[in-house]
């Protein structure tokens, strides 16, 4: 499965759990880490866990390997490593502090509007 399809699955899964301000960055030209970063936020630890669980469930259903999940115990920033797609789920304050969109500003944004409701 190509990385854009994995990104679409992750975006739709996060959106289904009411993730806020979902953005995706096409980092394949500026990073060796991945093709895409998906970034979203939630208002509570419980919502972060629900988003993470749904993303993991949906990508596994599509037979995509979840390589690693980091930060789930902390509840402020969870990273899901899907290989060519890295999903970042933040608490709002943490997202503002780390500002990954600015850090990776050389990467073009991916239009995810058709994948979210």
PDB file of N, CA and C in Angstrom:
ATOM      1  N   UNK A   1       0.852  -1.173   0.000  1.00  0.00           N
ATOM      2  CA  UNK A   1       0.000   0.000   0.000  1.00  0.00           C
ATOM      3  C   UNK A   1       0.898   1.236   0.000  1.00  0.00           C
ATOM      4  N   UNK A   2       0.547   2.210  -0.832  1.00  0.00           N
ATOM      5  CA  UNK A   2       1.393   3.402  -0.900  1.00  0.00           C
ATOM      6  C   UNK A   2       1.150   4.320   0.296  1.00  0.00           C
ATOM      7  N   UNK A   3       2.123   5.169   0.551  1.00  0.00           N
ATOM      8  CA  UNK A   3       2.097   5.999   1.756  1.00  0.00           C
ATOM      9  C   UNK A   3       0.953   7.009   1.751  1.00  0.00           C
ATOM     10  N   UNK A   4       0.522   7.473   0.585  1.00  0.00           N
ATOM     11  CA  UNK A   4      -0.592   8.421   0.556  1.00  0.00           C
ATOM     12  C   UNK A   4      -1.892   7.745   1.000  1.00  0.00           C
ATOM     13  N   UNK A   5      -2.084   6.494   0.654  1.00  0.00           N
ATOM     14  CA  UNK A   5      -3.267   5.757   1.095  1.00  0.00           C
ATOM     15  C   UNK A   5      -3.223   5.536   2.610  1.00  0.00           C
ATOM     16  N   UNK A   6      -2.043   5.233   3.149  1.00  0.00           N
ATOM     17  CA  UNK A   6      -1.891   5.086   4.596  1.00  0.00           C
ATOM     18  C   UNK A   6      -2.226   6.406   5.283  1.00  0.00           C
ATOM     19  N   UNK A   7      -1.748   7.512   4.717  1.00  0.00           N
ATOM     20  CA  UNK A   7      -2.069   8.840   5.252  1.00  0.00           C
ATOM     21  C   UNK A   7      -3.571   9.070   5.250  1.00  0.00           C
ATOM     22  N   UNK A   8      -4.228   8.736   4.167  1.00  0.00           N
ATOM     23  CA  UNK A   8      -5.683   8.915   4.078  1.00  0.00           C
ATOM     24  C   UNK A   8      -6.405   8.114   5.166  1.00  0.00           C
ATOM     25  N   UNK A   9      -6.011   6.881   5.376  1.00  0.00           N
ATOM     26  CA  UNK A   9      -6.624   6.045   6.419  1.00  0.00           C
ATOM     27  C   UNK A   9      -6.434   6.683   7.789  1.00  0.00           C
ATOM     28  N   UNK A  10      -5.227   7.170   8.059  1.00  0.00           N
ATOM     29  CA  UNK A  10      -4.927   7.782   9.358  1.00  0.00           C
ATOM     30  C   UNK A  10      -5.731   9.063   9.558  1.00  0.00           C
ATOM     31  N   UNK A  11      -5.833   9.886   8.526  1.00  0.00           N
ATOM     32  CA  UNK A  11      -6.597  11.138   8.627  1.00  0.00           C
ATOM     33  C   UNK A  11      -8.067  10.846   8.896  1.00  0.00           C
ATOM     34  N   UNK A  12      -8.632   9.913   8.153  1.00  0.00           N
ATOM     35  CA  UNK A  12     -10.044   9.577   8.335  1.00  0.00           C
ATOM     36  C   UNK A  12     -10.296   8.987   9.727  1.00  0.00           C
ATOM     37  N   UNK A  13      -9.381   8.165  10.205  1.00  0.00           N
ATOM     38  CA  UNK A  13      -9.535   7.565  11.540  1.00  0.00           C
ATOM     39  C   UNK A  13      -9.485   8.645  12.614  1.00  0.00           C
ATOM     40  N   UNK A  14      -8.538   9.559  12.516  1.00  0.00           N
ATOM     41  CA  UNK A  14      -8.423  10.639  13.500  1.00  0.00           C
ATOM     42  C   UNK A  14      -9.660  11.532  13.450  1.00  0.00           C
ATOM     43  N   UNK A  15     -10.106  11.838  12.256  1.00  0.00           N
ATOM     44  CA  UNK A  15     -11.294  12.683  12.104  1.00  0.00           C
ATOM     45  C   UNK A  15     -12.523  12.016  12.710  1.00  0.00           C
ATOM     46  N   UNK A  16     -12.616  10.701  12.610  1.00  0.00           N
ATOM     47  CA  UNK A  16     -13.786   9.996  13.147  1.00  0.00           C
ATOM     48  C   UNK A  16     -13.862  10.091  14.671  1.00  0.00           C
ATOM     49  N   UNK A  17     -12.730  10.403  15.302  1.00  0.00           N
ATOM     50  CA  UNK A  17     -12.694  10.570  16.764  1.00  0.00           C
ATOM     51  C   UNK A  17     -12.580  12.054  17.136  1.00  0.00           C
ATOM     52  N   UNK A  18     -12.974  12.905  16.212  1.00  0.00           N
ATOM     53  CA  UNK A  18     -13.038  14.359  16.424  1.00  0.00           C
ATOM     54  C   UNK A  18     -11.691  15.018  16.716  1.00  0.00           C
ATOM     55  N   UNK A  19     -10.656  14.525  16.053  1.00  0.00           N
ATOM     56  CA  UNK A  19      -9.358  15.206  16.140  1.00  0.00           C
ATOM     57  C   UNK A  19      -9.525  16.603  15.552  1.00  0.00           C
ATOM     58  N   UNK A  20      -8.800  17.557  16.109  1.00  0.00           N
ATOM     59  CA  UNK A  20      -8.918  18.944  15.680  1.00  0.00           C
ATOM     60  C   UNK A  20      -7.697  19.353  14.866  1.00  0.00           C
ATOM     61  N   UNK A  21      -7.934  20.296  13.942  1.00  0.00           N
ATOM     62  CA  UNK A  21      -6.861  20.909  13.146  1.00  0.00           C
ATOM     63  C   UNK A  21      -5.913  19.872  12.545  1.00  0.00           C
ATOM     64  N   UNK A  22      -6.474  18.948  11.801  1.00  0.00           N
ATOM     65  CA  UNK A  22      -5.674  17.908  11.155  1.00  0.00           C
ATOM     66  C   UNK A  22      -4.947  18.511   9.961  1.00  0.00           C
ATOM     67  N   UNK A  23      -3.629  18.354   9.956  1.00  0.00           N
ATOM     68  CA  UNK A  23      -2.826  18.779   8.809  1.00  0.00           C
ATOM     69  C   UNK A  23      -1.870  17.646   8.456  1.00  0.00           C
ATOM     70  N   UNK A  24      -1.442  17.655   7.213  1.00  0.00           N
ATOM     71  CA  UNK A  24      -0.448  16.683   6.756  1.00  0.00           C
ATOM     72  C   UNK A  24       0.625  17.423   5.974  1.00  0.00           C
ATOM     73  N   UNK A  25       1.854  17.032   6.211  1.00  0.00           N
ATOM     74  CA  UNK A  25       2.995  17.619   5.530  1.00  0.00           C
ATOM     75  C   UNK A  25       3.660  16.559   4.663  1.00  0.00           C
ATOM     76  N   UNK A  26       3.985  16.928   3.437  1.00  0.00           N
ATOM     77  CA  UNK A  26       4.704  16.039   2.534  1.00  0.00           C
ATOM     78  C   UNK A  26       6.199  16.273   2.767  1.00  0.00           C
ATOM     79  N   UNK A  27       6.811  15.424   3.582  1.00  0.00           N
ATOM     80  CA  UNK A  27       8.194  15.639   3.998  1.00  0.00           C
ATOM     81  C   UNK A  27       9.207  14.803   3.214  1.00  0.00           C
ATOM     82  N   UNK A  28       8.757  14.104   2.182  1.00  0.00           N
ATOM     83  CA  UNK A  28       9.680  13.184   1.507  1.00  0.00           C
ATOM     84  C   UNK A  28      10.856  13.900   0.842  1.00  0.00           C
ATOM     85  N   UNK A  29      10.701  15.177   0.488  1.00  0.00           N
ATOM     86  CA  UNK A  29      11.798  15.934  -0.133  1.00  0.00           C
ATOM     87  C   UNK A  29      12.746  16.541   0.898  1.00  0.00           C
ATOM     88  N   UNK A  30      12.307  16.680   2.155  1.00  0.00           N
ATOM     89  CA  UNK A  30      13.103  17.383   3.157  1.00  0.00           C
ATOM     90  C   UNK A  30      13.533  16.491   4.327  1.00  0.00           C
ATOM     91  N   UNK A  31      13.136  15.227   4.316  1.00  0.00           N
ATOM     92  CA  UNK A  31      13.474  14.337   5.416  1.00  0.00           C
ATOM     93  C   UNK A  31      13.627  12.905   4.927  1.00  0.00           C
ATOM     94  N   UNK A  32      14.538  12.214   5.552  1.00  0.00           N
ATOM     95  CA  UNK A  32      14.688  10.778   5.277  1.00  0.00           C
ATOM     96  C   UNK A  32      13.807   9.947   6.192  1.00  0.00           C
ATOM     97  N   UNK A  33      13.139  10.599   7.157  1.00  0.00           N
ATOM     98  CA  UNK A  33      12.347   9.887   8.155  1.00  0.00           C
ATOM     99  C   UNK A  33      11.091   9.246   7.589  1.00  0.00           C
ATOM    100  N   UNK A  34      10.408   9.970   6.709  1.00  0.00           N
ATOM    101  CA  UNK A  34       9.101   9.501   6.244  1.00  0.00           C
ATOM    102  C   UNK A  34       8.710  10.263   4.984  1.00  0.00           C
ATOM    103  N   UNK A  35       7.580   9.842   4.405  1.00  0.00           N
ATOM    104  CA  UNK A  35       6.998  10.588   3.284  1.00  0.00           C
ATOM    105  C   UNK A  35       6.045  11.664   3.787  1.00  0.00           C
ATOM    106  N   UNK A  36       5.292  11.339   4.855  1.00  0.00           N
ATOM    107  CA  UNK A  36       4.281  12.264   5.369  1.00  0.00           C
ATOM    108  C   UNK A  36       4.316  12.323   6.889  1.00  0.00           C
ATOM    109  N   UNK A  37       4.046  13.517   7.404  1.00  0.00           N
ATOM    110  CA  UNK A  37       3.745  13.721   8.815  1.00  0.00           C
ATOM    111  C   UNK A  37       2.293  14.145   8.889  1.00  0.00           C
ATOM    112  N   UNK A  38       1.516  13.480   9.716  1.00  0.00           N
ATOM    113  CA  UNK A  38       0.162  13.933  10.006  1.00  0.00           C
ATOM    114  C   UNK A  38       0.180  14.492  11.415  1.00  0.00           C
ATOM    115  N   UNK A  39      -0.407  15.663  11.594  1.00  0.00           N
ATOM    116  CA  UNK A  39      -0.415  16.328  12.893  1.00  0.00           C
ATOM    117  C   UNK A  39      -1.860  16.691  13.229  1.00  0.00           C
ATOM    118  N   UNK A  40      -2.271  16.388  14.447  1.00  0.00           N
ATOM    119  CA  UNK A  40      -3.599  16.777  14.898  1.00  0.00           C
ATOM    120  C   UNK A  40      -3.555  17.013  16.394  1.00  0.00           C
ATOM    121  N   UNK A  41      -4.658  17.501  16.931  1.00  0.00           N
ATOM    122  CA  UNK A  41      -4.705  17.760  18.367  1.00  0.00           C
ATOM    123  C   UNK A  41      -6.033  17.335  18.942  1.00  0.00           C
ATOM    124  N   UNK A  42      -6.025  17.220  20.280  1.00  0.00           N
ATOM    125  CA  UNK A  42      -7.215  16.822  21.025  1.00  0.00           C
ATOM    126  C   UNK A  42      -7.279  17.653  22.297  1.00  0.00           C
ATOM    127  N   UNK A  43      -8.436  17.631  22.915  1.00  0.00           N
ATOM    128  CA  UNK A  43      -8.640  18.477  24.089  1.00  0.00           C
ATOM    129  C   UNK A  43      -8.406  17.768  25.417  1.00  0.00           C
ATOM    130  N   UNK A  44      -8.230  16.454  25.393  1.00  0.00           N
ATOM    131  CA  UNK A  44      -8.022  15.719  26.643  1.00  0.00           C
ATOM    132  C   UNK A  44      -7.178  14.473  26.398  1.00  0.00           C
ATOM    133  N   UNK A  45      -6.629  13.936  27.478  1.00  0.00           N
ATOM    134  CA  UNK A  45      -5.865  12.690  27.387  1.00  0.00           C
ATOM    135  C   UNK A  45      -6.737  11.555  26.860  1.00  0.00           C
ATOM    136  N   UNK A  46      -7.964  11.520  27.316  1.00  0.00           N
ATOM    137  CA  UNK A  46      -8.898  10.471  26.883  1.00  0.00           C
ATOM    138  C   UNK A  46      -9.130  10.543  25.367  1.00  0.00           C
ATOM    139  N   UNK A  47      -9.296  11.754  24.850  1.00  0.00           N
ATOM    140  CA  UNK A  47      -9.515  11.909  23.410  1.00  0.00           C
ATOM    141  C   UNK A  47      -8.252  11.539  22.628  1.00  0.00           C
ATOM    142  N   UNK A  48      -7.087  11.907  23.146  1.00  0.00           N
ATOM    143  CA  UNK A  48      -5.835  11.516  22.488  1.00  0.00           C
ATOM    144  C   UNK A  48      -5.770   9.998  22.372  1.00  0.00           C
ATOM    145  N   UNK A  49      -6.064   9.303  23.464  1.00  0.00           N
ATOM    146  CA  UNK A  49      -6.024   7.838  23.435  1.00  0.00           C
ATOM    147  C   UNK A  49      -7.048   7.257  22.474  1.00  0.00           C
ATOM    148  N   UNK A  50      -8.223   7.855  22.394  1.00  0.00           N
ATOM    149  CA  UNK A  50      -9.247   7.382  21.457  1.00  0.00           C
ATOM    150  C   UNK A  50      -8.782   7.559  20.012  1.00  0.00           C
ATOM    151  N   UNK A  51      -8.168   8.688  19.717  1.00  0.00           N
ATOM    152  CA  UNK A  51      -7.651   8.941  18.359  1.00  0.00           C
ATOM    153  C   UNK A  51      -6.559   7.936  18.030  1.00  0.00           C
ATOM    154  N   UNK A  52      -5.612   7.760  18.940  1.00  0.00           N
ATOM    155  CA  UNK A  52      -4.508   6.822  18.712  1.00  0.00           C
ATOM    156  C   UNK A  52      -5.044   5.413  18.501  1.00  0.00           C
ATOM    157  N   UNK A  53      -5.947   4.972  19.349  1.00  0.00           N
ATOM    158  CA  UNK A  53      -6.511   3.627  19.223  1.00  0.00           C
ATOM    159  C   UNK A  53      -7.221   3.439  17.888  1.00  0.00           C
ATOM    160  N   UNK A  54      -7.963   4.453  17.451  1.00  0.00           N
ATOM    161  CA  UNK A  54      -8.693   4.350  16.175  1.00  0.00           C
ATOM    162  C   UNK A  54      -7.735   4.326  14.991  1.00  0.00           C
ATOM    163  N   UNK A  55      -6.711   5.162  15.007  1.00  0.00           N
ATOM    164  CA  UNK A  55      -5.724   5.145  13.919  1.00  0.00           C
ATOM    165  C   UNK A  55      -5.067   3.770  13.847  1.00  0.00           C
ATOM    166  N   UNK A  56      -4.634   3.263  14.981  1.00  0.00           N
ATOM    167  CA  UNK A  56      -3.983   1.949  15.012  1.00  0.00           C
ATOM    168  C   UNK A  56      -4.935   0.866  14.500  1.00  0.00           C
ATOM    169  N   UNK A  57      -6.173   0.887  14.975  1.00  0.00           N
ATOM    170  CA  UNK A  57      -7.145  -0.123  14.542  1.00  0.00           C
ATOM    171  C   UNK A  57      -7.377  -0.082  13.030  1.00  0.00           C
ATOM    172  N   UNK A  58      -7.538   1.114  12.488  1.00  0.00           N
ATOM    173  CA  UNK A  58      -7.851   1.236  11.058  1.00  0.00           C
ATOM    174  C   UNK A  58      -6.663   0.870  10.165  1.00  0.00           C
ATOM    175  N   UNK A  59      -5.452   1.257  10.557  1.00  0.00           N
ATOM    176  CA  UNK A  59      -4.304   0.894   9.718  1.00  0.00           C
ATOM    177  C   UNK A  59      -4.009  -0.598   9.814  1.00  0.00           C
ATOM    178  N   UNK A  60      -4.190  -1.172  10.992  1.00  0.00           N
ATOM    179  CA  UNK A  60      -3.996  -2.620  11.113  1.00  0.00           C
ATOM    180  C   UNK A  60      -5.036  -3.378  10.298  1.00  0.00           C
ATOM    181  N   UNK A  61      -6.265  -2.847  10.270  1.00  0.00           N
ATOM    182  CA  UNK A  61      -7.316  -3.460   9.456  1.00  0.00           C
ATOM    183  C   UNK A  61      -6.920  -3.441   7.972  1.00  0.00           C
ATOM    184  N   UNK A  62      -6.174  -2.405   7.574  1.00  0.00           N
ATOM    185  CA  UNK A  62      -5.700  -2.289   6.195  1.00  0.00           C
ATOM    186  C   UNK A  62      -4.363  -3.008   5.997  1.00  0.00           C
ATOM    187  N   UNK A  63      -3.949  -3.768   7.005  1.00  0.00           N
ATOM    188  CA  UNK A  63      -2.733  -4.575   6.981  1.00  0.00           C
ATOM    189  C   UNK A  63      -1.463  -3.725   6.857  1.00  0.00           C
ATOM    190  N   UNK A  64      -1.480  -2.575   7.529  1.00  0.00           N
ATOM    191  CA  UNK A  64      -0.299  -1.719   7.615  1.00  0.00           C
ATOM    192  C   UNK A  64       0.340  -1.982   8.972  1.00  0.00           C
ATOM    193  N   UNK A  65       1.646  -2.189   8.969  1.00  0.00           N
ATOM    194  CA  UNK A  65       2.355  -2.470  10.223  1.00  0.00           C
ATOM    195  C   UNK A  65       2.539  -1.190  11.033  1.00  0.00           C
ATOM    196  N   UNK A  66       2.156  -1.261  12.296  1.00  0.00           N
ATOM    197  CA  UNK A  66       2.452  -0.180  13.234  1.00  0.00           C
ATOM    198  C   UNK A  66       3.819  -0.502  13.815  1.00  0.00           C
ATOM    199  N   UNK A  67       4.814   0.279  13.447  1.00  0.00           N
ATOM    200  CA  UNK A  67       6.180  -0.011  13.867  1.00  0.00           C
ATOM    201  C   UNK A  67       6.423   0.336  15.330  1.00  0.00           C
ATOM    202  N   UNK A  68       5.850   1.456  15.781  1.00  0.00           N
ATOM    203  CA  UNK A  68       6.096   1.889  17.155  1.00  0.00           C
ATOM    204  C   UNK A  68       5.065   2.936  17.544  1.00  0.00           C
ATOM    205  N   UNK A  69       4.746   2.965  18.829  1.00  0.00           N
ATOM    206  CA  UNK A  69       3.915   4.029  19.405  1.00  0.00           C
ATOM    207  C   UNK A  69       4.698   4.592  20.578  1.00  0.00           C
ATOM    208  N   UNK A  70       4.927   5.895  20.558  1.00  0.00           N
ATOM    209  CA  UNK A  70       5.696   6.556  21.618  1.00  0.00           C
ATOM    210  C   UNK A  70       4.821   7.583  22.326  1.00  0.00           C
ATOM    211  N   UNK A  71       4.941   7.676  23.638  1.00  0.00           N
ATOM    212  CA  UNK A  71       4.297   8.731  24.399  1.00  0.00           C
ATOM    213  C   UNK A  71       2.896   8.449  24.882  1.00  0.00           C
ATOM    214  N   UNK A  72       2.401   7.245  24.656  1.00  0.00           N
ATOM    215  CA  UNK A  72       1.019   6.961  25.036  1.00  0.00           C
ATOM    216  C   UNK A  72       0.803   7.059  26.550  1.00  0.00           C
ATOM    217  N   UNK A  73       1.812   6.739  27.326  1.00  0.00           N
ATOM    218  CA  UNK A  73       1.682   6.841  28.781  1.00  0.00           C
ATOM    219  C   UNK A  73       1.650   8.286  29.255  1.00  0.00           C
ATOM    220  N   UNK A  74       2.343   9.184  28.533  1.00  0.00           N
ATOM    221  CA  UNK A  74       2.399  10.589  28.936  1.00  0.00           C
ATOM    222  C   UNK A  74       1.132  11.354  28.625  1.00  0.00           C
ATOM    223  N   UNK A  75       0.501  11.022  27.519  1.00  0.00           N
ATOM    224  CA  UNK A  75      -0.782  11.618  27.187  1.00  0.00           C
ATOM    225  C   UNK A  75      -0.769  13.029  26.654  1.00  0.00           C
ATOM    226  N   UNK A  76       0.402  13.620  26.420  1.00  0.00           N
ATOM    227  CA  UNK A  76       0.458  14.989  25.907  1.00  0.00           C
ATOM    228  C   UNK A  76       0.824  15.033  24.430  1.00  0.00           C
ATOM    229  N   UNK A  77       1.621  14.073  23.994  1.00  0.00           N
ATOM    230  CA  UNK A  77       2.049  13.977  22.602  1.00  0.00           C
ATOM    231  C   UNK A  77       2.308  12.512  22.318  1.00  0.00           C
ATOM    232  N   UNK A  78       1.520  11.943  21.423  1.00  0.00           N
ATOM    233  CA  UNK A  78       1.704  10.544  21.045  1.00  0.00           C
ATOM    234  C   UNK A  78       2.130  10.499  19.585  1.00  0.00           C
ATOM    235  N   UNK A  79       3.163   9.715  19.325  1.00  0.00           N
ATOM    236  CA  UNK A  79       3.676   9.537  17.973  1.00  0.00           C
ATOM    237  C   UNK A  79       3.396   8.095  17.553  1.00  0.00           C
ATOM    238  N   UNK A  80       2.809   7.938  16.377  1.00  0.00           N
ATOM    239  CA  UNK A  80       2.556   6.608  15.820  1.00  0.00           C
ATOM    240  C   UNK A  80       3.416   6.479  14.567  1.00  0.00           C
ATOM    241  N   UNK A  81       4.332   5.532  14.581  1.00  0.00           N
ATOM    242  CA  UNK A  81       5.227   5.303  13.450  1.00  0.00           C
ATOM    243  C   UNK A  81       4.623   4.229  12.556  1.00  0.00           C
ATOM    244  N   UNK A  82       4.205   4.654  11.369  1.00  0.00           N
ATOM    245  CA  UNK A  82       3.632   3.729  10.391  1.00  0.00           C
ATOM    246  C   UNK A  82       4.599   3.521   9.226  1.00  0.00           C
ATOM    247  N   UNK A  83       5.868   3.729   9.467  1.00  0.00           N
ATOM    248  CA  UNK A  83       6.864   3.591   8.405  1.00  0.00           C
ATOM    249  C   UNK A  83       6.998   4.890   7.637  1.00  0.00           C
ATOM    250  N   UNK A  84       6.357   4.971   6.481  1.00  0.00           N
ATOM    251  CA  UNK A  84       6.444   6.169   5.646  1.00  0.00           C
ATOM    252  C   UNK A  84       5.492   7.273   6.079  1.00  0.00           C
ATOM    253  N   UNK A  85       4.667   7.003   7.074  1.00  0.00           N
ATOM    254  CA  UNK A  85       3.748   8.003   7.622  1.00  0.00           C
ATOM    255  C   UNK A  85       3.955   8.046   9.138  1.00  0.00           C
ATOM    256  N   UNK A  86       4.195   9.251   9.644  1.00  0.00           N
ATOM    257  CA  UNK A  86       4.342   9.449  11.082  1.00  0.00           C
ATOM    258  C   UNK A  86       3.159  10.291  11.549  1.00  0.00           C
ATOM    259  N   UNK A  87       2.412   9.784  12.505  1.00  0.00           N
ATOM    260  CA  UNK A  87       1.233  10.472  13.026  1.00  0.00           C
ATOM    261  C   UNK A  87       1.586  11.078  14.382  1.00  0.00           C
ATOM    262  N   UNK A  88       1.306  12.373  14.530  1.00  0.00           N
ATOM    263  CA  UNK A  88       1.530  13.082  15.787  1.00  0.00           C
ATOM    264  C   UNK A  88       0.172  13.516  16.329  1.00  0.00           C
ATOM    265  N   UNK A  89      -0.158  13.084  17.550  1.00  0.00           N
ATOM    266  CA  UNK A  89      -1.406  13.492  18.198  1.00  0.00           C
ATOM    267  C   UNK A  89      -1.019  14.261  19.459  1.00  0.00           C
ATOM    268  N   UNK A  90      -1.393  15.535  19.487  1.00  0.00           N
ATOM    269  CA  UNK A  90      -0.980  16.436  20.552  1.00  0.00           C
ATOM    270  C   UNK A  90      -2.145  16.893  21.417  1.00  0.00           C
ATOM    271  N   UNK A  91      -1.848  17.258  22.668  1.00  0.00           N
ATOM    272  CA  UNK A  91      -2.715  18.152  23.430  1.00  0.00           C
ATOM    273  C   UNK A  91      -2.486  19.528  22.820  1.00  0.00           C
ATOM    274  N   UNK A  92      -3.475  20.385  22.842  1.00  0.00           N
ATOM    275  CA  UNK A  92      -3.386  21.694  22.187  1.00  0.00           C
ATOM    276  C   UNK A  92      -2.162  22.489  22.630  1.00  0.00           C
ATOM    277  N   UNK A  93      -1.905  22.546  23.931  1.00  0.00           N
ATOM    278  CA  UNK A  93      -0.778  23.343  24.436  1.00  0.00           C
ATOM    279  C   UNK A  93       0.564  22.780  23.967  1.00  0.00           C
ATOM    280  N   UNK A  94       0.671  21.476  23.910  1.00  0.00           N
ATOM    281  CA  UNK A  94       1.914  20.845  23.461  1.00  0.00           C
ATOM    282  C   UNK A  94       2.148  21.116  21.980  1.00  0.00           C
ATOM    283  N   UNK A  95       1.089  21.080  21.200  1.00  0.00           N
ATOM    284  CA  UNK A  95       1.234  21.348  19.771  1.00  0.00           C
ATOM    285  C   UNK A  95       1.750  22.758  19.541  1.00  0.00           C
ATOM    286  N   UNK A  96       1.205  23.711  20.270  1.00  0.00           N
ATOM    287  CA  UNK A  96       1.655  25.100  20.124  1.00  0.00           C
ATOM    288  C   UNK A  96       3.122  25.228  20.540  1.00  0.00           C
ATOM    289  N   UNK A  97       3.518  24.526  21.597  1.00  0.00           N
ATOM    290  CA  UNK A  97       4.889  24.612  22.090  1.00  0.00           C
ATOM    291  C   UNK A  97       5.884  24.046  21.076  1.00  0.00           C
ATOM    292  N   UNK A  98       5.620  22.856  20.550  1.00  0.00           N
ATOM    293  CA  UNK A  98       6.560  22.203  19.642  1.00  0.00           C
ATOM    294  C   UNK A  98       6.468  22.728  18.214  1.00  0.00           C
ATOM    295  N   UNK A  99       5.297  23.177  17.793  1.00  0.00           N
ATOM    296  CA  UNK A  99       5.084  23.835  16.504  1.00  0.00           C
ATOM    297  C   UNK A  99       5.785  23.114  15.344  1.00  0.00           C
ATOM    298  N   UNK A 100       5.442  21.858  15.152  1.00  0.00           N
ATOM    299  CA  UNK A 100       6.062  21.069  14.092  1.00  0.00           C
ATOM    300  C   UNK A 100       5.831  21.657  12.703  1.00  0.00           C
ATOM    301  N   UNK A 101       4.696  22.297  12.513  1.00  0.00           N
ATOM    302  CA  UNK A 101       4.420  22.898  11.209  1.00  0.00           C
ATOM    303  C   UNK A 101       5.475  23.942  10.861  1.00  0.00           C
ATOM    304  N   UNK A 102       5.907  24.715  11.840  1.00  0.00           N
ATOM    305  CA  UNK A 102       6.951  25.706  11.595  1.00  0.00           C
ATOM    306  C   UNK A 102       8.308  25.030  11.434  1.00  0.00           C
ATOM    307  N   UNK A 103       8.581  24.038  12.281  1.00  0.00           N
ATOM    308  CA  UNK A 103       9.848  23.318  12.212  1.00  0.00           C
ATOM    309  C   UNK A 103      10.048  22.686  10.829  1.00  0.00           C
ATOM    310  N   UNK A 104       8.974  22.156  10.264  1.00  0.00           N
ATOM    311  CA  UNK A 104       9.028  21.504   8.955  1.00  0.00           C
ATOM    312  C   UNK A 104       8.391  22.388   7.881  1.00  0.00           C
ATOM    313  N   UNK A 105       8.570  23.684   7.977  1.00  0.00           N
ATOM    314  CA  UNK A 105       7.898  24.620   7.065  1.00  0.00           C
ATOM    315  C   UNK A 105       8.365  24.489   5.612  1.00  0.00           C
ATOM    316  N   UNK A 106       9.500  23.832   5.386  1.00  0.00           N
ATOM    317  CA  UNK A 106       9.952  23.597   4.011  1.00  0.00           C
ATOM    318  C   UNK A 106       9.110  22.532   3.308  1.00  0.00           C
ATOM    319  N   UNK A 107       8.367  21.771   4.063  1.00  0.00           N
ATOM    320  CA  UNK A 107       7.545  20.694   3.495  1.00  0.00           C
ATOM    321  C   UNK A 107       6.183  21.248   3.073  1.00  0.00           C
ATOM    322  N   UNK A 108       5.748  20.931   1.861  1.00  0.00           N
ATOM    323  CA  UNK A 108       4.425  21.406   1.435  1.00  0.00           C
ATOM    324  C   UNK A 108       3.299  20.711   2.197  1.00  0.00           C
ATOM    325  N   UNK A 109       2.203  21.453   2.380  1.00  0.00           N
ATOM    326  CA  UNK A 109       1.011  20.898   3.027  1.00  0.00           C
ATOM    327  C   UNK A 109       0.284  19.989   2.029  1.00  0.00           C
ATOM    328  N   UNK A 110      -0.326  18.956   2.555  1.00  0.00           N
ATOM    329  CA  UNK A 110      -1.169  18.059   1.763  1.00  0.00           C
ATOM    330  C   UNK A 110      -2.609  18.472   2.030  1.00  0.00           C
ATOM    331  N   UNK A 111      -3.395  18.593   0.975  1.00  0.00           N
ATOM    332  CA  UNK A 111      -4.796  18.946   1.145  1.00  0.00           C
ATOM    333  C   UNK A 111      -5.569  17.720   1.640  1.00  0.00           C
ATOM    334  N   UNK A 112      -6.009  17.776   2.897  1.00  0.00           N
ATOM    335  CA  UNK A 112      -6.745  16.656   3.494  1.00  0.00           C
ATOM    336  C   UNK A 112      -8.238  16.939   3.583  1.00  0.00           C
ATOM    337  N   UNK A 113      -8.685  18.059   3.022  1.00  0.00           N
ATOM    338  CA  UNK A 113     -10.084  18.489   3.152  1.00  0.00           C
ATOM    339  C   UNK A 113     -11.087  17.439   2.668  1.00  0.00           C
ATOM    340  N   UNK A 114     -10.748  16.722   1.617  1.00  0.00           N
ATOM    341  CA  UNK A 114     -11.702  15.731   1.095  1.00  0.00           C
ATOM    342  C   UNK A 114     -11.795  14.499   1.972  1.00  0.00           C
ATOM    343  N   UNK A 115     -10.860  14.340   2.905  1.00  0.00           N
ATOM    344  CA  UNK A 115     -10.856  13.174   3.793  1.00  0.00           C
ATOM    345  C   UNK A 115     -11.506  13.454   5.131  1.00  0.00           C
ATOM    346  N   UNK A 116     -11.767  14.720   5.446  1.00  0.00           N
ATOM    347  CA  UNK A 116     -12.354  15.066   6.748  1.00  0.00           C
ATOM    348  C   UNK A 116     -13.746  15.622   6.561  1.00  0.00           C
ATOM    349  N   UNK A 117     -14.569  15.438   7.601  1.00  0.00           N
ATOM    350  CA  UNK A 117     -15.950  15.923   7.498  1.00  0.00           C
ATOM    351  C   UNK A 117     -16.117  17.243   8.220  1.00  0.00           C
TER     352      UNK A 117
END
